[in-house]
Amino acid sequence: MLITPQAQNKLRSLLPQPDRAYRIRAISGGCKGYAYDLKIIQNTTPDDVLQSFPDLPVYIEQSSLSYLNDVVMDYVEGFTNSGFTFHHPDRCSCGKSFSPEACSSQSSR
C-alpha cells in the first residue's frame, strides 16, 4: 500500500494523540462488495502489521494485506467534496469500495 504525501500530511494532522495510530482494513460492504475502513486506534492486535511511513503509525490488518496490495491512498480537496480516496490501478473501484473478485484474480499473477 502506498499513501501519498498529501494523505500522510492529513493523517498526521488528524491524529489526536501521540499514542494513537491508524488501522486500515478491507471490510464487507460498499457498492462493489468490499469497502476500505480507516480507524484511529489506541491498541493494536496481533493481526495488525505495521507499515513504514515517517512519523505516521499505520497498521494494516493481516487479513486485508492481499486486498490492499497496490492500493494508493490519497487525500483530495475539492470545491464540493474533500476526503481520503483509495485507488487500485487494476481494480474496479469507486474510491470507497471495490470488487473482491478483482483482488482474487490479481493474486494469481
N, C-alpha and C. Protein backbone atom coordinates (compact mmCIF):
# COMPACT_ATOMS: atom_id res chain seq x y z
N MET A 1 0.84 -1.17 0.00
CA MET A 1 0.00 0.00 0.00
C MET A 1 0.89 1.23 0.00
N LEU A 2 0.46 2.21 -0.76
CA LEU A 2 1.15 3.49 -0.83
C LEU A 2 0.20 4.57 -0.30
N ILE A 3 0.72 5.45 0.51
CA ILE A 3 -0.05 6.61 0.98
C ILE A 3 0.68 7.84 0.46
N THR A 4 -0.03 8.64 -0.32
CA THR A 4 0.59 9.82 -0.92
C THR A 4 1.03 10.81 0.16
N PRO A 5 1.98 11.69 -0.16
CA PRO A 5 2.39 12.71 0.81
C PRO A 5 1.22 13.57 1.31
N GLN A 6 0.27 13.89 0.42
CA GLN A 6 -0.89 14.69 0.83
C GLN A 6 -1.71 13.94 1.88
N ALA A 7 -1.92 12.65 1.65
CA ALA A 7 -2.69 11.84 2.61
C ALA A 7 -1.91 11.67 3.91
N GLN A 8 -0.61 11.46 3.83
CA GLN A 8 0.21 11.33 5.04
C GLN A 8 0.12 12.59 5.89
N ASN A 9 0.24 13.74 5.25
CA ASN A 9 0.15 15.01 5.99
C ASN A 9 -1.20 15.18 6.65
N LYS A 10 -2.27 14.83 5.94
CA LYS A 10 -3.62 14.97 6.51
C LYS A 10 -3.80 13.99 7.66
N LEU A 11 -3.33 12.75 7.50
CA LEU A 11 -3.43 11.77 8.59
C LEU A 11 -2.69 12.25 9.83
N ARG A 12 -1.48 12.79 9.65
CA ARG A 12 -0.72 13.31 10.79
C ARG A 12 -1.49 14.42 11.49
N SER A 13 -2.11 15.30 10.73
CA SER A 13 -2.82 16.43 11.32
C SER A 13 -4.08 16.01 12.07
N LEU A 14 -4.64 14.86 11.73
CA LEU A 14 -5.87 14.39 12.37
C LEU A 14 -5.64 13.47 13.56
N LEU A 15 -4.40 13.00 13.73
CA LEU A 15 -4.12 12.07 14.83
C LEU A 15 -4.17 12.84 16.15
N PRO A 16 -5.12 12.51 17.05
CA PRO A 16 -5.37 13.33 18.23
C PRO A 16 -4.27 13.27 19.29
N GLN A 17 -3.59 12.14 19.44
CA GLN A 17 -2.59 11.99 20.49
C GLN A 17 -1.45 11.12 19.96
N PRO A 18 -0.25 11.32 20.51
CA PRO A 18 0.89 10.55 20.01
C PRO A 18 0.80 9.05 20.27
N ASP A 19 -0.03 8.62 21.22
CA ASP A 19 -0.15 7.18 21.49
C ASP A 19 -1.24 6.52 20.64
N ARG A 20 -1.74 7.22 19.65
CA ARG A 20 -2.76 6.68 18.75
C ARG A 20 -2.12 6.30 17.42
N ALA A 21 -2.83 5.47 16.66
CA ALA A 21 -2.36 5.03 15.35
C ALA A 21 -3.57 4.84 14.45
N TYR A 22 -3.31 4.51 13.20
CA TYR A 22 -4.38 4.22 12.25
C TYR A 22 -4.38 2.73 11.92
N ARG A 23 -5.58 2.20 11.72
CA ARG A 23 -5.73 0.84 11.19
C ARG A 23 -6.52 0.96 9.89
N ILE A 24 -6.00 0.34 8.84
CA ILE A 24 -6.69 0.30 7.55
C ILE A 24 -6.99 -1.16 7.26
N ARG A 25 -8.22 -1.41 6.82
CA ARG A 25 -8.59 -2.78 6.50
C ARG A 25 -9.67 -2.80 5.43
N ALA A 26 -9.87 -3.95 4.86
CA ALA A 26 -10.96 -4.17 3.91
C ALA A 26 -12.09 -4.87 4.67
N ILE A 27 -13.30 -4.33 4.56
CA ILE A 27 -14.45 -4.92 5.24
C ILE A 27 -15.55 -5.20 4.22
N SER A 28 -16.42 -6.11 4.56
CA SER A 28 -17.55 -6.42 3.70
C SER A 28 -18.49 -5.23 3.66
N GLY A 29 -18.89 -4.83 2.44
CA GLY A 29 -19.82 -3.69 2.30
C GLY A 29 -19.50 -2.88 1.07
N GLY A 30 -20.18 -1.77 0.93
CA GLY A 30 -19.96 -0.90 -0.21
C GLY A 30 -20.68 -1.40 -1.45
N CYS A 31 -20.69 -0.59 -2.48
CA CYS A 31 -21.42 -0.92 -3.71
C CYS A 31 -20.76 -2.03 -4.51
N LYS A 32 -19.50 -2.34 -4.26
CA LYS A 32 -18.77 -3.36 -5.01
C LYS A 32 -18.55 -4.65 -4.23
N GLY A 33 -18.92 -4.68 -2.95
CA GLY A 33 -18.77 -5.90 -2.16
C GLY A 33 -17.84 -5.74 -0.96
N TYR A 34 -16.77 -4.94 -1.13
CA TYR A 34 -15.84 -4.65 -0.05
C TYR A 34 -15.65 -3.15 0.03
N ALA A 35 -15.37 -2.67 1.24
CA ALA A 35 -15.12 -1.24 1.44
C ALA A 35 -13.82 -1.07 2.21
N TYR A 36 -13.20 0.08 2.03
CA TYR A 36 -11.99 0.43 2.77
C TYR A 36 -12.43 1.00 4.11
N ASP A 37 -11.74 0.61 5.18
CA ASP A 37 -12.08 1.06 6.52
C ASP A 37 -10.84 1.67 7.16
N LEU A 38 -10.95 2.91 7.61
CA LEU A 38 -9.86 3.65 8.23
C LEU A 38 -10.32 4.08 9.62
N LYS A 39 -9.57 3.67 10.64
CA LYS A 39 -9.93 3.99 12.02
C LYS A 39 -8.71 4.48 12.78
N ILE A 40 -8.95 5.34 13.76
CA ILE A 40 -7.93 5.70 14.73
C ILE A 40 -8.02 4.70 15.87
N ILE A 41 -6.89 4.12 16.25
CA ILE A 41 -6.87 3.12 17.30
C ILE A 41 -5.88 3.50 18.40
N GLN A 42 -6.09 2.94 19.57
CA GLN A 42 -5.15 3.12 20.67
C GLN A 42 -4.33 1.86 20.88
N ASN A 43 -4.97 0.71 20.67
CA ASN A 43 -4.29 -0.56 20.88
C ASN A 43 -4.26 -1.37 19.59
N THR A 44 -3.16 -2.04 19.37
CA THR A 44 -3.04 -2.92 18.20
C THR A 44 -3.39 -4.34 18.61
N THR A 45 -3.57 -5.19 17.62
CA THR A 45 -3.82 -6.61 17.86
C THR A 45 -2.68 -7.40 17.22
N PRO A 46 -2.56 -8.67 17.55
CA PRO A 46 -1.51 -9.49 16.92
C PRO A 46 -1.68 -9.60 15.40
N ASP A 47 -2.88 -9.32 14.89
CA ASP A 47 -3.13 -9.38 13.44
C ASP A 47 -2.77 -8.09 12.71
N ASP A 48 -2.35 -7.06 13.44
CA ASP A 48 -2.01 -5.79 12.81
C ASP A 48 -0.56 -5.82 12.34
N VAL A 49 -0.33 -5.37 11.10
CA VAL A 49 1.01 -5.32 10.52
C VAL A 49 1.39 -3.85 10.33
N LEU A 50 2.48 -3.44 10.96
CA LEU A 50 2.92 -2.05 10.88
C LEU A 50 3.47 -1.75 9.49
N GLN A 51 3.04 -0.63 8.92
CA GLN A 51 3.54 -0.16 7.63
C GLN A 51 4.55 0.96 7.89
N SER A 52 5.50 1.13 7.02
CA SER A 52 6.57 2.11 7.21
C SER A 52 6.26 3.43 6.53
N PHE A 53 5.88 4.40 7.33
CA PHE A 53 5.69 5.77 6.87
C PHE A 53 6.30 6.68 7.93
N PRO A 54 7.09 7.69 7.53
CA PRO A 54 7.78 8.54 8.50
C PRO A 54 6.82 9.22 9.49
N ASP A 55 7.04 8.98 10.76
CA ASP A 55 6.27 9.62 11.84
C ASP A 55 4.76 9.42 11.68
N LEU A 56 4.37 8.29 11.13
CA LEU A 56 2.95 8.02 10.93
C LEU A 56 2.67 6.54 11.18
N PRO A 57 2.12 6.21 12.35
CA PRO A 57 1.86 4.82 12.67
C PRO A 57 0.60 4.32 11.95
N VAL A 58 0.79 3.46 10.96
CA VAL A 58 -0.31 2.89 10.18
C VAL A 58 -0.18 1.37 10.22
N TYR A 59 -1.27 0.73 10.61
CA TYR A 59 -1.32 -0.72 10.67
C TYR A 59 -2.34 -1.22 9.67
N ILE A 60 -2.03 -2.33 9.04
CA ILE A 60 -2.98 -2.99 8.15
C ILE A 60 -3.29 -4.35 8.76
N GLU A 61 -4.57 -4.64 8.87
CA GLU A 61 -5.00 -5.93 9.39
C GLU A 61 -4.48 -7.04 8.48
N GLN A 62 -3.89 -8.08 9.07
CA GLN A 62 -3.27 -9.17 8.31
C GLN A 62 -4.19 -9.71 7.21
N SER A 63 -5.46 -9.92 7.53
CA SER A 63 -6.38 -10.49 6.55
C SER A 63 -6.69 -9.54 5.39
N SER A 64 -6.31 -8.28 5.52
CA SER A 64 -6.57 -7.29 4.47
C SER A 64 -5.37 -7.02 3.58
N LEU A 65 -4.21 -7.57 3.93
CA LEU A 65 -2.99 -7.26 3.18
C LEU A 65 -3.12 -7.54 1.68
N SER A 66 -3.69 -8.69 1.32
CA SER A 66 -3.79 -9.01 -0.11
C SER A 66 -4.77 -8.09 -0.83
N TYR A 67 -5.79 -7.63 -0.14
CA TYR A 67 -6.76 -6.71 -0.76
C TYR A 67 -6.16 -5.31 -0.95
N LEU A 68 -5.25 -4.92 -0.06
CA LEU A 68 -4.71 -3.57 -0.09
C LEU A 68 -3.38 -3.47 -0.83
N ASN A 69 -2.87 -4.60 -1.33
CA ASN A 69 -1.65 -4.58 -2.11
C ASN A 69 -1.88 -3.74 -3.37
N ASP A 70 -0.97 -2.84 -3.66
CA ASP A 70 -1.01 -1.94 -4.82
C ASP A 70 -2.06 -0.83 -4.71
N VAL A 71 -2.71 -0.69 -3.58
CA VAL A 71 -3.67 0.40 -3.40
C VAL A 71 -2.92 1.69 -3.09
N VAL A 72 -3.39 2.78 -3.66
CA VAL A 72 -2.85 4.11 -3.37
C VAL A 72 -3.92 4.90 -2.63
N MET A 73 -3.58 5.32 -1.42
CA MET A 73 -4.48 6.16 -0.63
C MET A 73 -4.05 7.60 -0.83
N ASP A 74 -5.02 8.46 -1.12
CA ASP A 74 -4.73 9.87 -1.35
C ASP A 74 -5.71 10.71 -0.55
N TYR A 75 -5.40 11.98 -0.39
CA TYR A 75 -6.33 12.94 0.19
C TYR A 75 -6.54 14.03 -0.84
N VAL A 76 -7.79 14.24 -1.22
CA VAL A 76 -8.10 15.26 -2.23
C VAL A 76 -9.04 16.29 -1.63
N GLU A 77 -8.84 17.52 -2.05
CA GLU A 77 -9.72 18.62 -1.63
C GLU A 77 -10.35 19.19 -2.87
N GLY A 78 -11.65 19.34 -2.81
CA GLY A 78 -12.38 19.90 -3.93
C GLY A 78 -13.39 20.94 -3.45
N PHE A 79 -14.02 21.57 -4.40
CA PHE A 79 -15.00 22.61 -4.08
C PHE A 79 -16.18 22.05 -3.29
N THR A 80 -16.67 20.88 -3.69
CA THR A 80 -17.85 20.32 -3.03
C THR A 80 -17.55 19.05 -2.24
N ASN A 81 -16.33 18.52 -2.35
CA ASN A 81 -16.05 17.26 -1.70
C ASN A 81 -14.56 17.16 -1.38
N SER A 82 -14.25 16.76 -0.15
CA SER A 82 -12.87 16.53 0.26
C SER A 82 -12.82 15.23 1.05
N GLY A 83 -11.70 14.53 0.96
CA GLY A 83 -11.56 13.32 1.76
C GLY A 83 -10.52 12.38 1.22
N PHE A 84 -10.41 11.25 1.91
CA PHE A 84 -9.48 10.22 1.52
C PHE A 84 -10.07 9.37 0.42
N THR A 85 -9.25 9.02 -0.56
CA THR A 85 -9.67 8.13 -1.63
C THR A 85 -8.69 6.97 -1.72
N PHE A 86 -9.17 5.86 -2.23
CA PHE A 86 -8.36 4.66 -2.41
C PHE A 86 -8.45 4.27 -3.87
N HIS A 87 -7.30 4.01 -4.48
CA HIS A 87 -7.28 3.68 -5.90
C HIS A 87 -6.38 2.46 -6.12
N HIS A 88 -6.89 1.54 -6.90
CA HIS A 88 -6.09 0.38 -7.31
C HIS A 88 -6.07 0.40 -8.83
N PRO A 89 -4.89 0.35 -9.46
CA PRO A 89 -4.81 0.50 -10.92
C PRO A 89 -5.51 -0.61 -11.71
N ASP A 90 -5.68 -1.80 -11.13
CA ASP A 90 -6.26 -2.92 -11.87
C ASP A 90 -7.61 -3.37 -11.31
N ARG A 91 -8.26 -2.56 -10.55
CA ARG A 91 -9.47 -3.00 -9.87
C ARG A 91 -10.62 -2.03 -10.13
N CYS A 92 -11.79 -2.58 -10.35
CA CYS A 92 -12.99 -1.76 -10.46
C CYS A 92 -13.30 -1.18 -9.09
N SER A 93 -13.23 0.13 -8.99
CA SER A 93 -13.38 0.76 -7.69
C SER A 93 -13.92 2.17 -7.86
N CYS A 94 -14.72 2.59 -6.90
CA CYS A 94 -15.24 3.95 -6.91
C CYS A 94 -14.43 4.86 -5.98
N GLY A 95 -13.36 4.33 -5.39
CA GLY A 95 -12.55 5.11 -4.46
C GLY A 95 -12.93 4.88 -3.01
N LYS A 96 -14.08 4.27 -2.78
CA LYS A 96 -14.53 3.94 -1.43
C LYS A 96 -14.76 2.45 -1.26
N SER A 97 -15.10 1.75 -2.35
CA SER A 97 -15.32 0.31 -2.28
C SER A 97 -14.72 -0.35 -3.51
N PHE A 98 -14.62 -1.69 -3.47
CA PHE A 98 -14.00 -2.41 -4.57
C PHE A 98 -14.57 -3.82 -4.66
N SER A 99 -14.32 -4.45 -5.77
CA SER A 99 -14.80 -5.81 -6.02
C SER A 99 -13.78 -6.83 -5.53
N PRO A 100 -14.20 -7.77 -4.66
CA PRO A 100 -13.25 -8.78 -4.21
C PRO A 100 -12.82 -9.74 -5.31
N GLU A 101 -13.64 -9.95 -6.33
CA GLU A 101 -13.25 -10.81 -7.44
C GLU A 101 -12.01 -10.27 -8.14
N ALA A 102 -11.93 -8.97 -8.29
CA ALA A 102 -10.75 -8.37 -8.92
C ALA A 102 -9.51 -8.66 -8.09
N CYS A 103 -9.63 -8.66 -6.78
CA CYS A 103 -8.49 -8.96 -5.90
C CYS A 103 -8.04 -10.39 -6.10
N SER A 104 -8.98 -11.32 -6.21
CA SER A 104 -8.64 -12.73 -6.38
C SER A 104 -7.85 -12.95 -7.65
N SER A 105 -8.26 -12.31 -8.72
CA SER A 105 -7.56 -12.51 -9.99
C SER A 105 -6.17 -11.91 -9.94
N GLN A 106 -5.99 -10.85 -9.16
CA GLN A 106 -4.66 -10.22 -9.04
C GLN A 106 -3.69 -11.11 -8.31
N SER A 107 -4.17 -11.90 -7.33
CA SER A 107 -3.26 -12.72 -6.55
C SER A 107 -2.68 -13.89 -7.34
N SER A 108 -3.26 -14.19 -8.49
CA SER A 108 -2.75 -15.31 -9.29
C SER A 108 -1.63 -14.90 -10.23
N ARG A 109 -1.24 -13.67 -10.24
CA ARG A 109 -0.15 -13.20 -11.10
C ARG A 109 1.18 -13.73 -10.67
